[in-house]
Amino acid sequence: MTYPPDFVKIDLTPEEWREIWEYTKAFLPASWVEKHDDGSFGHEIIDKDGHSSNFKGMLGECVLGKLEGKTVHQILDERPIRESDPGWDIIIGGLKYDIKLLKSIKHPTLKFRYNIRKKLIDQKKGNDGYIWISMIRWPQRSELPWYWLVVGWMLKEEFLEKADFHRKGDLSVTGNKFVYKNATYDITVRKLHPYKDIPR
């Protein structure tokens, strides 16, 4: 079980943010994804802040790589150019992890639920597990208003055992009237493992 004191906070500098932004525009534009990708990225979605799903994914890769001791420039330089998503983002202790990033205005609590669509799991991507990161807005900060919390991790087999499964059309168990649009697995933060305990 992970607890809020176990969450690992990461910041990016404005220069690192811009470098990731420029990389995404150059090598992972929506037009390329739609034409060449095998469907792993899904449809490009632009949120109300103007952030594409690919950009947010790259942010997740870079902040975790930075936590693991690499520079953002090194992470981007080593990344295969215009390659379809292999299903994992980082290797730690010889295991391949898919990073799942959630953008939020709230600090995660133990009741927060993180989800993965069943379709993505059924694709049998080459990952051994998942690492969940929350991208959170700083209050009253404009230049770089986001910071990241590495919330926890879990290997795929354990995730499938402990996650709750929801069919398309099911109501959320949280009581907030949310309806699942796809068959989805989700799990509460309290069930995840602390990042400090990830196998190395």
N, C-alpha and C. Protein backbone atom coordinates (compact mmCIF):
# COMPACT_ATOMS: atom_id res chain seq x y z
N MET A 1 0.84 -1.19 0.00
CA MET A 1 0.00 0.00 0.00
C MET A 1 0.87 1.24 0.00
N THR A 2 0.48 2.22 -0.78
CA THR A 2 1.21 3.49 -0.80
C THR A 2 0.42 4.55 -0.04
N TYR A 3 1.13 5.52 0.51
CA TYR A 3 0.52 6.61 1.26
C TYR A 3 1.02 7.94 0.69
N PRO A 4 0.27 9.03 0.89
CA PRO A 4 0.71 10.32 0.35
C PRO A 4 2.16 10.70 0.66
N PRO A 5 2.69 10.42 1.87
CA PRO A 5 4.10 10.75 2.09
C PRO A 5 5.06 9.98 1.18
N ASP A 6 4.58 8.88 0.57
CA ASP A 6 5.42 8.09 -0.34
C ASP A 6 5.44 8.68 -1.76
N PHE A 7 4.51 9.58 -2.08
CA PHE A 7 4.47 10.14 -3.42
C PHE A 7 5.76 10.93 -3.67
N VAL A 8 6.30 10.81 -4.88
CA VAL A 8 7.56 11.47 -5.21
C VAL A 8 7.27 12.66 -6.13
N LYS A 9 7.64 13.86 -5.68
CA LYS A 9 7.36 15.08 -6.43
C LYS A 9 8.50 15.38 -7.39
N ILE A 10 8.15 15.80 -8.62
CA ILE A 10 9.14 16.16 -9.64
C ILE A 10 8.71 17.47 -10.29
N ASP A 11 9.68 18.32 -10.55
CA ASP A 11 9.45 19.58 -11.28
C ASP A 11 10.21 19.56 -12.59
N LEU A 12 9.74 20.29 -13.57
CA LEU A 12 10.49 20.57 -14.78
C LEU A 12 10.83 22.06 -14.80
N THR A 13 11.93 22.39 -15.44
CA THR A 13 12.24 23.79 -15.66
C THR A 13 11.50 24.26 -16.91
N PRO A 14 11.31 25.57 -17.08
CA PRO A 14 10.69 26.06 -18.32
C PRO A 14 11.46 25.61 -19.56
N GLU A 15 12.79 25.52 -19.45
CA GLU A 15 13.60 25.08 -20.59
C GLU A 15 13.32 23.63 -20.93
N GLU A 16 13.19 22.78 -19.91
CA GLU A 16 12.88 21.37 -20.15
C GLU A 16 11.50 21.20 -20.77
N TRP A 17 10.54 21.98 -20.27
CA TRP A 17 9.17 21.95 -20.81
C TRP A 17 9.17 22.29 -22.30
N ARG A 18 9.88 23.37 -22.65
CA ARG A 18 9.93 23.80 -24.05
C ARG A 18 10.61 22.76 -24.93
N GLU A 19 11.65 22.13 -24.41
CA GLU A 19 12.36 21.11 -25.20
C GLU A 19 11.43 19.93 -25.50
N ILE A 20 10.64 19.51 -24.52
CA ILE A 20 9.69 18.41 -24.72
C ILE A 20 8.60 18.83 -25.71
N TRP A 21 8.13 20.06 -25.57
CA TRP A 21 7.10 20.60 -26.47
C TRP A 21 7.59 20.61 -27.91
N GLU A 22 8.80 21.10 -28.12
CA GLU A 22 9.36 21.16 -29.47
C GLU A 22 9.59 19.77 -30.04
N TYR A 23 10.03 18.85 -29.22
CA TYR A 23 10.24 17.46 -29.66
C TYR A 23 8.92 16.84 -30.12
N THR A 24 7.88 17.03 -29.33
CA THR A 24 6.58 16.44 -29.66
C THR A 24 6.04 17.01 -30.96
N LYS A 25 6.16 18.32 -31.14
CA LYS A 25 5.69 18.95 -32.37
C LYS A 25 6.44 18.42 -33.59
N ALA A 26 7.75 18.20 -33.43
CA ALA A 26 8.59 17.79 -34.56
C ALA A 26 8.43 16.31 -34.90
N PHE A 27 8.34 15.46 -33.88
CA PHE A 27 8.43 14.03 -34.13
C PHE A 27 7.16 13.24 -33.84
N LEU A 28 6.21 13.83 -33.11
CA LEU A 28 4.95 13.12 -32.83
C LEU A 28 3.74 14.01 -33.10
N PRO A 29 3.70 14.67 -34.25
CA PRO A 29 2.52 15.51 -34.55
C PRO A 29 1.31 14.63 -34.80
N ALA A 30 0.14 15.20 -34.61
CA ALA A 30 -1.10 14.45 -34.81
C ALA A 30 -1.19 13.89 -36.22
N SER A 31 -0.72 14.65 -37.21
CA SER A 31 -0.81 14.19 -38.60
C SER A 31 0.01 12.92 -38.82
N TRP A 32 1.18 12.84 -38.18
CA TRP A 32 2.01 11.64 -38.33
C TRP A 32 1.37 10.47 -37.61
N VAL A 33 0.87 10.72 -36.40
CA VAL A 33 0.25 9.65 -35.62
C VAL A 33 -0.91 9.03 -36.40
N GLU A 34 -1.76 9.87 -36.97
CA GLU A 34 -2.94 9.37 -37.68
C GLU A 34 -2.56 8.61 -38.95
N LYS A 35 -1.47 8.99 -39.61
CA LYS A 35 -1.10 8.38 -40.87
C LYS A 35 -0.26 7.12 -40.71
N HIS A 36 0.67 7.14 -39.73
CA HIS A 36 1.67 6.09 -39.67
C HIS A 36 1.57 5.15 -38.48
N ASP A 37 0.94 5.60 -37.41
CA ASP A 37 0.94 4.75 -36.22
C ASP A 37 -0.02 3.59 -36.39
N ASP A 38 0.23 2.52 -35.60
CA ASP A 38 -0.60 1.31 -35.71
C ASP A 38 -1.85 1.38 -34.85
N GLY A 39 -2.13 2.54 -34.30
CA GLY A 39 -3.30 2.70 -33.45
C GLY A 39 -2.97 2.68 -31.98
N SER A 40 -1.69 2.47 -31.64
CA SER A 40 -1.31 2.37 -30.24
C SER A 40 -1.48 3.69 -29.50
N PHE A 41 -1.22 4.80 -30.20
CA PHE A 41 -1.35 6.10 -29.55
C PHE A 41 -2.82 6.48 -29.35
N GLY A 42 -3.70 5.93 -30.15
CA GLY A 42 -5.08 6.36 -30.10
C GLY A 42 -5.24 7.68 -30.83
N HIS A 43 -6.44 8.23 -30.80
CA HIS A 43 -6.67 9.50 -31.48
C HIS A 43 -6.06 10.64 -30.67
N GLU A 44 -5.48 11.57 -31.38
CA GLU A 44 -4.88 12.72 -30.72
C GLU A 44 -5.97 13.58 -30.11
N ILE A 45 -5.85 13.88 -28.83
CA ILE A 45 -6.83 14.68 -28.12
C ILE A 45 -6.14 15.91 -27.57
N ILE A 46 -6.71 17.07 -27.83
CA ILE A 46 -6.18 18.33 -27.32
C ILE A 46 -7.08 18.78 -26.17
N ASP A 47 -6.49 19.00 -24.99
CA ASP A 47 -7.31 19.39 -23.85
C ASP A 47 -7.47 20.91 -23.80
N LYS A 48 -8.18 21.39 -22.80
CA LYS A 48 -8.51 22.82 -22.73
C LYS A 48 -7.28 23.70 -22.52
N ASP A 49 -6.16 23.10 -22.09
CA ASP A 49 -4.92 23.86 -21.94
C ASP A 49 -4.07 23.84 -23.20
N GLY A 50 -4.58 23.18 -24.25
CA GLY A 50 -3.83 23.09 -25.49
C GLY A 50 -2.79 21.99 -25.50
N HIS A 51 -2.87 21.07 -24.55
CA HIS A 51 -1.91 19.98 -24.47
C HIS A 51 -2.43 18.75 -25.20
N SER A 52 -1.63 18.21 -26.10
CA SER A 52 -2.02 16.99 -26.80
C SER A 52 -1.76 15.78 -25.92
N SER A 53 -2.42 14.68 -26.23
CA SER A 53 -2.20 13.45 -25.47
C SER A 53 -0.76 12.97 -25.63
N ASN A 54 -0.18 13.17 -26.82
CA ASN A 54 1.21 12.76 -27.02
C ASN A 54 2.17 13.62 -26.20
N PHE A 55 1.88 14.92 -26.11
CA PHE A 55 2.73 15.80 -25.31
C PHE A 55 2.69 15.39 -23.84
N LYS A 56 1.50 15.12 -23.32
CA LYS A 56 1.39 14.72 -21.92
C LYS A 56 2.09 13.38 -21.68
N GLY A 57 2.00 12.48 -22.67
CA GLY A 57 2.71 11.22 -22.55
C GLY A 57 4.22 11.42 -22.49
N MET A 58 4.73 12.33 -23.33
CA MET A 58 6.16 12.63 -23.34
C MET A 58 6.59 13.28 -22.03
N LEU A 59 5.73 14.12 -21.46
CA LEU A 59 6.04 14.72 -20.16
C LEU A 59 6.20 13.63 -19.12
N GLY A 60 5.30 12.64 -19.13
CA GLY A 60 5.39 11.54 -18.17
C GLY A 60 6.70 10.78 -18.31
N GLU A 61 7.08 10.48 -19.56
CA GLU A 61 8.34 9.77 -19.80
C GLU A 61 9.53 10.58 -19.28
N CYS A 62 9.51 11.87 -19.54
CA CYS A 62 10.67 12.70 -19.20
C CYS A 62 10.78 12.95 -17.69
N VAL A 63 9.66 13.19 -17.02
CA VAL A 63 9.78 13.45 -15.58
C VAL A 63 10.24 12.20 -14.84
N LEU A 64 9.78 11.02 -15.27
CA LEU A 64 10.21 9.80 -14.59
C LEU A 64 11.67 9.49 -14.94
N GLY A 65 12.05 9.72 -16.19
CA GLY A 65 13.45 9.54 -16.56
C GLY A 65 14.35 10.48 -15.79
N LYS A 66 13.88 11.72 -15.57
CA LYS A 66 14.63 12.69 -14.78
C LYS A 66 14.80 12.20 -13.35
N LEU A 67 13.73 11.63 -12.78
CA LEU A 67 13.80 11.06 -11.44
C LEU A 67 14.83 9.94 -11.38
N GLU A 68 14.95 9.20 -12.48
CA GLU A 68 15.88 8.07 -12.53
C GLU A 68 17.30 8.49 -12.91
N GLY A 69 17.55 9.80 -13.00
CA GLY A 69 18.91 10.27 -13.13
C GLY A 69 19.35 10.72 -14.51
N LYS A 70 18.43 10.79 -15.48
CA LYS A 70 18.81 11.25 -16.81
C LYS A 70 18.33 12.69 -17.01
N THR A 71 19.00 13.39 -17.91
CA THR A 71 18.53 14.72 -18.27
C THR A 71 17.42 14.58 -19.31
N VAL A 72 16.57 15.59 -19.40
CA VAL A 72 15.50 15.57 -20.41
C VAL A 72 16.11 15.48 -21.81
N HIS A 73 17.18 16.22 -22.04
CA HIS A 73 17.83 16.18 -23.36
C HIS A 73 18.31 14.76 -23.68
N GLN A 74 18.89 14.08 -22.71
CA GLN A 74 19.37 12.71 -22.91
C GLN A 74 18.21 11.76 -23.20
N ILE A 75 17.11 11.91 -22.47
CA ILE A 75 15.94 11.04 -22.67
C ILE A 75 15.41 11.19 -24.09
N LEU A 76 15.26 12.43 -24.54
CA LEU A 76 14.73 12.68 -25.88
C LEU A 76 15.71 12.24 -26.95
N ASP A 77 17.01 12.44 -26.69
CA ASP A 77 18.03 12.08 -27.67
C ASP A 77 18.10 10.56 -27.86
N GLU A 78 17.84 9.80 -26.80
CA GLU A 78 17.92 8.34 -26.87
C GLU A 78 16.63 7.71 -27.39
N ARG A 79 15.55 8.49 -27.44
CA ARG A 79 14.25 7.93 -27.84
C ARG A 79 14.22 7.67 -29.34
N PRO A 80 13.75 6.47 -29.77
CA PRO A 80 13.64 6.22 -31.21
C PRO A 80 12.73 7.25 -31.88
N ILE A 81 13.18 7.80 -32.99
CA ILE A 81 12.42 8.85 -33.67
C ILE A 81 11.22 8.25 -34.41
N ARG A 82 10.06 8.85 -34.19
CA ARG A 82 8.83 8.48 -34.90
C ARG A 82 8.59 6.97 -34.91
N GLU A 83 8.68 6.39 -33.74
CA GLU A 83 8.43 4.96 -33.62
C GLU A 83 7.12 4.74 -32.89
N SER A 84 6.33 3.78 -33.36
CA SER A 84 5.06 3.50 -32.71
C SER A 84 5.28 3.07 -31.26
N ASP A 85 4.29 3.32 -30.44
CA ASP A 85 4.35 2.99 -29.03
C ASP A 85 4.56 1.49 -28.84
N PRO A 86 5.67 1.06 -28.20
CA PRO A 86 5.89 -0.37 -27.99
C PRO A 86 5.12 -0.92 -26.81
N GLY A 87 4.42 -0.04 -26.08
CA GLY A 87 3.64 -0.51 -24.93
C GLY A 87 4.33 -0.29 -23.60
N TRP A 88 5.55 0.25 -23.63
CA TRP A 88 6.23 0.57 -22.37
C TRP A 88 7.06 1.83 -22.58
N ASP A 89 7.37 2.50 -21.47
CA ASP A 89 8.03 3.80 -21.54
C ASP A 89 9.40 3.83 -20.86
N ILE A 90 9.62 2.95 -19.90
CA ILE A 90 10.87 2.99 -19.14
C ILE A 90 11.19 1.60 -18.62
N ILE A 91 12.49 1.30 -18.52
CA ILE A 91 12.94 0.04 -17.94
C ILE A 91 13.61 0.34 -16.61
N ILE A 92 13.14 -0.32 -15.57
CA ILE A 92 13.72 -0.18 -14.23
C ILE A 92 13.91 -1.59 -13.67
N GLY A 93 15.11 -1.88 -13.24
CA GLY A 93 15.39 -3.21 -12.68
C GLY A 93 15.13 -4.33 -13.66
N GLY A 94 15.31 -4.05 -14.95
CA GLY A 94 15.09 -5.06 -15.97
C GLY A 94 13.65 -5.29 -16.36
N LEU A 95 12.72 -4.56 -15.74
CA LEU A 95 11.29 -4.69 -16.05
C LEU A 95 10.81 -3.47 -16.83
N LYS A 96 9.89 -3.71 -17.76
CA LYS A 96 9.37 -2.65 -18.63
C LYS A 96 8.05 -2.13 -18.08
N TYR A 97 7.98 -0.81 -17.90
CA TYR A 97 6.78 -0.20 -17.32
C TYR A 97 6.13 0.77 -18.31
N ASP A 98 4.82 0.72 -18.37
CA ASP A 98 4.03 1.69 -19.11
C ASP A 98 3.64 2.79 -18.12
N ILE A 99 3.94 4.03 -18.45
CA ILE A 99 3.62 5.15 -17.56
C ILE A 99 2.20 5.62 -17.84
N LYS A 100 1.40 5.71 -16.80
CA LYS A 100 0.03 6.20 -16.91
C LYS A 100 -0.06 7.54 -16.20
N LEU A 101 -0.33 8.59 -17.00
CA LEU A 101 -0.33 9.95 -16.46
C LEU A 101 -1.75 10.49 -16.39
N LEU A 102 -2.09 11.05 -15.25
CA LEU A 102 -3.40 11.67 -15.05
C LEU A 102 -3.21 13.15 -14.75
N LYS A 103 -3.82 13.99 -15.57
CA LYS A 103 -3.77 15.44 -15.36
C LYS A 103 -4.91 15.84 -14.44
N SER A 104 -4.62 16.61 -13.40
CA SER A 104 -5.63 16.91 -12.40
C SER A 104 -5.39 18.27 -11.77
N ILE A 105 -6.43 18.83 -11.20
CA ILE A 105 -6.27 20.06 -10.43
C ILE A 105 -6.16 19.74 -8.94
N LYS A 106 -6.29 18.45 -8.58
CA LYS A 106 -6.30 18.05 -7.18
C LYS A 106 -5.13 17.12 -6.87
N HIS A 107 -4.62 17.27 -5.67
CA HIS A 107 -3.61 16.36 -5.16
C HIS A 107 -4.28 15.00 -4.93
N PRO A 108 -3.69 13.90 -5.43
CA PRO A 108 -4.35 12.59 -5.27
C PRO A 108 -4.44 12.16 -3.80
N THR A 109 -5.52 11.48 -3.50
CA THR A 109 -5.71 10.89 -2.17
C THR A 109 -5.74 9.38 -2.34
N LEU A 110 -5.83 8.67 -1.23
CA LEU A 110 -5.86 7.20 -1.29
C LEU A 110 -7.10 6.69 -2.01
N LYS A 111 -8.15 7.54 -2.11
CA LYS A 111 -9.39 7.11 -2.78
C LYS A 111 -9.37 7.36 -4.28
N PHE A 112 -8.37 8.12 -4.77
CA PHE A 112 -8.28 8.36 -6.21
C PHE A 112 -8.23 7.03 -6.95
N ARG A 113 -8.87 7.03 -8.13
CA ARG A 113 -8.88 5.81 -8.95
C ARG A 113 -8.17 6.08 -10.27
N TYR A 114 -7.26 5.19 -10.61
CA TYR A 114 -6.56 5.27 -11.90
C TYR A 114 -7.04 4.12 -12.77
N ASN A 115 -7.25 4.41 -14.06
CA ASN A 115 -7.85 3.38 -14.92
C ASN A 115 -7.01 3.10 -16.15
N ILE A 116 -7.24 1.91 -16.71
CA ILE A 116 -6.63 1.49 -17.97
C ILE A 116 -7.73 0.79 -18.77
N ARG A 117 -7.89 1.21 -20.02
CA ARG A 117 -8.92 0.58 -20.84
C ARG A 117 -8.56 -0.88 -21.13
N LYS A 118 -9.56 -1.72 -21.10
CA LYS A 118 -9.37 -3.15 -21.36
C LYS A 118 -8.75 -3.37 -22.74
N LYS A 119 -9.13 -2.53 -23.71
CA LYS A 119 -8.61 -2.67 -25.07
C LYS A 119 -7.09 -2.59 -25.09
N LEU A 120 -6.50 -1.68 -24.28
CA LEU A 120 -5.05 -1.53 -24.25
C LEU A 120 -4.38 -2.75 -23.64
N ILE A 121 -5.01 -3.33 -22.62
CA ILE A 121 -4.44 -4.52 -22.00
C ILE A 121 -4.56 -5.72 -22.94
N ASP A 122 -5.67 -5.80 -23.66
CA ASP A 122 -5.88 -6.92 -24.59
C ASP A 122 -4.89 -6.91 -25.75
N GLN A 123 -4.30 -5.76 -26.03
CA GLN A 123 -3.33 -5.69 -27.13
C GLN A 123 -2.03 -6.42 -26.80
N LYS A 124 -1.90 -6.86 -25.53
CA LYS A 124 -0.71 -7.62 -25.10
C LYS A 124 0.58 -6.88 -25.45
N LYS A 125 0.63 -5.64 -25.01
CA LYS A 125 1.84 -4.85 -25.18
C LYS A 125 2.97 -5.47 -24.36
N GLY A 126 4.21 -5.12 -24.72
CA GLY A 126 5.34 -5.77 -24.09
C GLY A 126 5.77 -5.18 -22.77
N ASN A 127 4.82 -4.77 -21.94
CA ASN A 127 5.19 -4.21 -20.64
C ASN A 127 4.94 -5.21 -19.51
N ASP A 128 5.73 -5.06 -18.46
CA ASP A 128 5.59 -5.94 -17.29
C ASP A 128 4.70 -5.32 -16.23
N GLY A 129 4.55 -4.00 -16.26
CA GLY A 129 3.76 -3.34 -15.22
C GLY A 129 3.48 -1.89 -15.56
N TYR A 130 2.96 -1.18 -14.57
CA TYR A 130 2.52 0.20 -14.76
C TYR A 130 3.06 1.09 -13.64
N ILE A 131 3.31 2.36 -13.99
CA ILE A 131 3.67 3.38 -13.02
C ILE A 131 2.69 4.53 -13.23
N TRP A 132 2.05 4.98 -12.13
CA TRP A 132 1.05 6.04 -12.23
C TRP A 132 1.62 7.35 -11.75
N ILE A 133 1.41 8.40 -12.56
CA ILE A 133 1.90 9.75 -12.25
C ILE A 133 0.73 10.72 -12.37
N SER A 134 0.61 11.62 -11.40
CA SER A 134 -0.37 12.71 -11.48
C SER A 134 0.33 13.99 -11.87
N MET A 135 -0.24 14.68 -12.86
CA MET A 135 0.24 15.99 -13.31
C MET A 135 -0.72 17.02 -12.73
N ILE A 136 -0.23 17.85 -11.82
CA ILE A 136 -1.10 18.67 -10.99
C ILE A 136 -0.77 20.16 -11.16
N ARG A 137 -1.80 20.96 -11.22
CA ARG A 137 -1.61 22.41 -11.40
C ARG A 137 -1.24 23.07 -10.07
N TRP A 138 -0.15 23.88 -10.13
CA TRP A 138 0.21 24.72 -9.00
C TRP A 138 -0.86 25.81 -8.87
N PRO A 139 -1.31 26.13 -7.67
CA PRO A 139 -2.22 27.27 -7.51
C PRO A 139 -1.47 28.58 -7.70
N GLN A 140 -2.07 29.50 -8.42
CA GLN A 140 -1.56 30.86 -8.61
C GLN A 140 -0.12 30.87 -9.15
N ARG A 141 0.11 30.05 -10.18
CA ARG A 141 1.42 30.06 -10.82
C ARG A 141 1.18 29.98 -12.32
N SER A 142 1.85 30.85 -13.08
CA SER A 142 1.50 30.93 -14.50
C SER A 142 2.59 30.44 -15.45
N GLU A 143 3.87 30.68 -15.15
CA GLU A 143 4.91 30.37 -16.13
C GLU A 143 4.98 28.87 -16.42
N LEU A 144 5.11 28.06 -15.40
CA LEU A 144 5.06 26.61 -15.55
C LEU A 144 4.17 26.08 -14.44
N PRO A 145 2.85 26.03 -14.68
CA PRO A 145 1.91 25.81 -13.58
C PRO A 145 1.75 24.36 -13.13
N TRP A 146 2.61 23.46 -13.62
CA TRP A 146 2.41 22.06 -13.31
C TRP A 146 3.58 21.45 -12.54
N TYR A 147 3.26 20.49 -11.68
CA TYR A 147 4.27 19.63 -11.09
C TYR A 147 3.74 18.19 -11.18
N TRP A 148 4.60 17.23 -10.90
CA TRP A 148 4.24 15.83 -11.09
C TRP A 148 4.48 15.05 -9.80
N LEU A 149 3.57 14.12 -9.52
CA LEU A 149 3.73 13.21 -8.39
C LEU A 149 3.75 11.78 -8.91
N VAL A 150 4.83 11.06 -8.63
CA VAL A 150 4.86 9.63 -8.92
C VAL A 150 4.13 8.96 -7.77
N VAL A 151 2.94 8.42 -8.07
CA VAL A 151 2.03 7.95 -7.03
C VAL A 151 2.32 6.50 -6.63
N GLY A 152 2.61 5.64 -7.59
CA GLY A 152 2.86 4.24 -7.25
C GLY A 152 3.03 3.38 -8.49
N TRP A 153 3.22 2.10 -8.27
CA TRP A 153 3.47 1.16 -9.37
C TRP A 153 2.82 -0.18 -9.04
N MET A 154 2.69 -1.02 -10.08
CA MET A 154 2.19 -2.38 -9.88
C MET A 154 2.49 -3.19 -11.14
N LEU A 155 2.88 -4.44 -10.96
CA LEU A 155 3.08 -5.32 -12.10
C LEU A 155 1.73 -5.70 -12.70
N LYS A 156 1.72 -5.99 -13.98
CA LYS A 156 0.47 -6.19 -14.72
C LYS A 156 -0.38 -7.32 -14.15
N GLU A 157 0.25 -8.46 -13.84
CA GLU A 157 -0.52 -9.61 -13.35
C GLU A 157 -1.24 -9.26 -12.05
N GLU A 158 -0.55 -8.56 -11.14
CA GLU A 158 -1.18 -8.17 -9.88
C GLU A 158 -2.27 -7.13 -10.13
N PHE A 159 -2.03 -6.22 -11.06
CA PHE A 159 -3.05 -5.22 -11.38
C PHE A 159 -4.35 -5.89 -11.83
N LEU A 160 -4.26 -6.88 -12.70
CA LEU A 160 -5.46 -7.56 -13.19
C LEU A 160 -6.17 -8.32 -12.08
N GLU A 161 -5.43 -8.75 -11.06
CA GLU A 161 -6.04 -9.44 -9.92
C GLU A 161 -6.75 -8.46 -8.98
N LYS A 162 -6.18 -7.27 -8.78
CA LYS A 162 -6.67 -6.35 -7.76
C LYS A 162 -7.55 -5.23 -8.30
N ALA A 163 -7.48 -4.95 -9.59
CA ALA A 163 -8.28 -3.86 -10.16
C ALA A 163 -9.74 -4.25 -10.26
N ASP A 164 -10.62 -3.25 -10.26
CA ASP A 164 -12.04 -3.48 -10.49
C ASP A 164 -12.31 -3.37 -11.99
N PHE A 165 -13.16 -4.25 -12.51
CA PHE A 165 -13.49 -4.22 -13.93
C PHE A 165 -14.87 -3.60 -14.13
N HIS A 166 -14.99 -2.71 -15.11
CA HIS A 166 -16.24 -2.03 -15.41
C HIS A 166 -16.55 -2.20 -16.90
N ARG A 167 -17.76 -2.61 -17.19
CA ARG A 167 -18.19 -2.72 -18.59
C ARG A 167 -18.62 -1.36 -19.11
N LYS A 168 -18.64 -1.24 -20.43
CA LYS A 168 -19.13 -0.02 -21.06
C LYS A 168 -20.57 0.23 -20.61
N GLY A 169 -20.83 1.45 -20.14
CA GLY A 169 -22.16 1.81 -19.68
C GLY A 169 -22.35 1.69 -18.18
N ASP A 170 -21.40 1.05 -17.48
CA ASP A 170 -21.50 0.95 -16.02
C ASP A 170 -21.35 2.32 -15.39
N LEU A 171 -22.03 2.51 -14.26
CA LEU A 171 -21.87 3.72 -13.47
C LEU A 171 -20.65 3.60 -12.57
N SER A 172 -19.97 4.71 -12.33
CA SER A 172 -18.82 4.71 -11.44
C SER A 172 -19.23 4.30 -10.03
N VAL A 173 -18.35 3.57 -9.37
CA VAL A 173 -18.63 3.15 -7.99
C VAL A 173 -18.41 4.30 -7.01
N THR A 174 -17.89 5.44 -7.50
CA THR A 174 -17.63 6.57 -6.61
C THR A 174 -18.89 7.39 -6.32
N GLY A 175 -19.96 7.13 -7.07
CA GLY A 175 -21.19 7.86 -6.86
C GLY A 175 -21.22 9.24 -7.50
N ASN A 176 -20.31 9.53 -8.43
CA ASN A 176 -20.26 10.86 -9.05
C ASN A 176 -20.99 10.91 -10.40
N LYS A 177 -21.78 9.90 -10.70
CA LYS A 177 -22.60 9.82 -11.91
C LYS A 177 -21.79 9.64 -13.19
N PHE A 178 -20.49 9.34 -13.05
CA PHE A 178 -19.66 9.08 -14.22
C PHE A 178 -20.04 7.74 -14.83
N VAL A 179 -20.16 7.70 -16.17
CA VAL A 179 -20.50 6.47 -16.88
C VAL A 179 -19.29 6.05 -17.72
N TYR A 180 -18.90 4.80 -17.60
CA TYR A 180 -17.75 4.30 -18.36
C TYR A 180 -18.10 4.20 -19.84
N LYS A 181 -17.27 4.81 -20.67
CA LYS A 181 -17.51 4.79 -22.12
C LYS A 181 -16.86 3.59 -22.79
N ASN A 182 -15.96 2.92 -22.07
CA ASN A 182 -15.29 1.73 -22.59
C ASN A 182 -15.14 0.73 -21.46
N ALA A 183 -14.95 -0.53 -21.82
CA ALA A 183 -14.62 -1.53 -20.81
C ALA A 183 -13.28 -1.13 -20.19
N THR A 184 -13.24 -1.05 -18.87
CA THR A 184 -12.11 -0.42 -18.18
C THR A 184 -11.79 -1.13 -16.87
N TYR A 185 -10.50 -1.24 -16.59
CA TYR A 185 -10.05 -1.66 -15.26
C TYR A 185 -9.63 -0.40 -14.50
N ASP A 186 -9.98 -0.34 -13.21
CA ASP A 186 -9.44 0.76 -12.41
C ASP A 186 -9.08 0.29 -11.01
N ILE A 187 -8.22 1.08 -10.38
CA ILE A 187 -7.67 0.70 -9.08
C ILE A 187 -7.49 1.94 -8.23
N THR A 188 -7.67 1.80 -6.93
CA THR A 188 -7.48 2.94 -6.03
C THR A 188 -6.00 3.11 -5.71
N VAL A 189 -5.63 4.33 -5.39
CA VAL A 189 -4.25 4.64 -5.03
C VAL A 189 -3.80 3.77 -3.86
N ARG A 190 -4.69 3.53 -2.91
CA ARG A 190 -4.30 2.80 -1.70
C ARG A 190 -3.76 1.40 -2.00
N LYS A 191 -4.13 0.82 -3.14
CA LYS A 191 -3.67 -0.53 -3.47
C LYS A 191 -2.32 -0.56 -4.17
N LEU A 192 -1.84 0.60 -4.62
CA LEU A 192 -0.58 0.63 -5.36
C LEU A 192 0.61 0.47 -4.41
N HIS A 193 1.76 0.16 -4.98
CA HIS A 193 3.00 0.04 -4.21
C HIS A 193 3.77 1.36 -4.26
N PRO A 194 4.44 1.74 -3.17
CA PRO A 194 5.23 2.98 -3.18
C PRO A 194 6.37 2.90 -4.19
N TYR A 195 6.65 4.01 -4.83
CA TYR A 195 7.71 4.03 -5.85
C TYR A 195 9.06 3.64 -5.26
N LYS A 196 9.28 3.96 -3.99
CA LYS A 196 10.56 3.62 -3.37
C LYS A 196 10.78 2.12 -3.30
N ASP A 197 9.72 1.31 -3.43
CA ASP A 197 9.83 -0.14 -3.34
C ASP A 197 9.87 -0.83 -4.71
N ILE A 198 9.99 -0.06 -5.79
CA ILE A 198 10.00 -0.67 -7.11
C ILE A 198 11.24 -1.56 -7.24
N PRO A 199 11.10 -2.76 -7.81
CA PRO A 199 12.26 -3.68 -7.90
C PRO A 199 13.40 -3.08 -8.72
N ARG A 200 14.61 -3.25 -8.22
CA ARG A 200 15.79 -2.73 -8.91
C ARG A 200 16.87 -3.81 -8.98
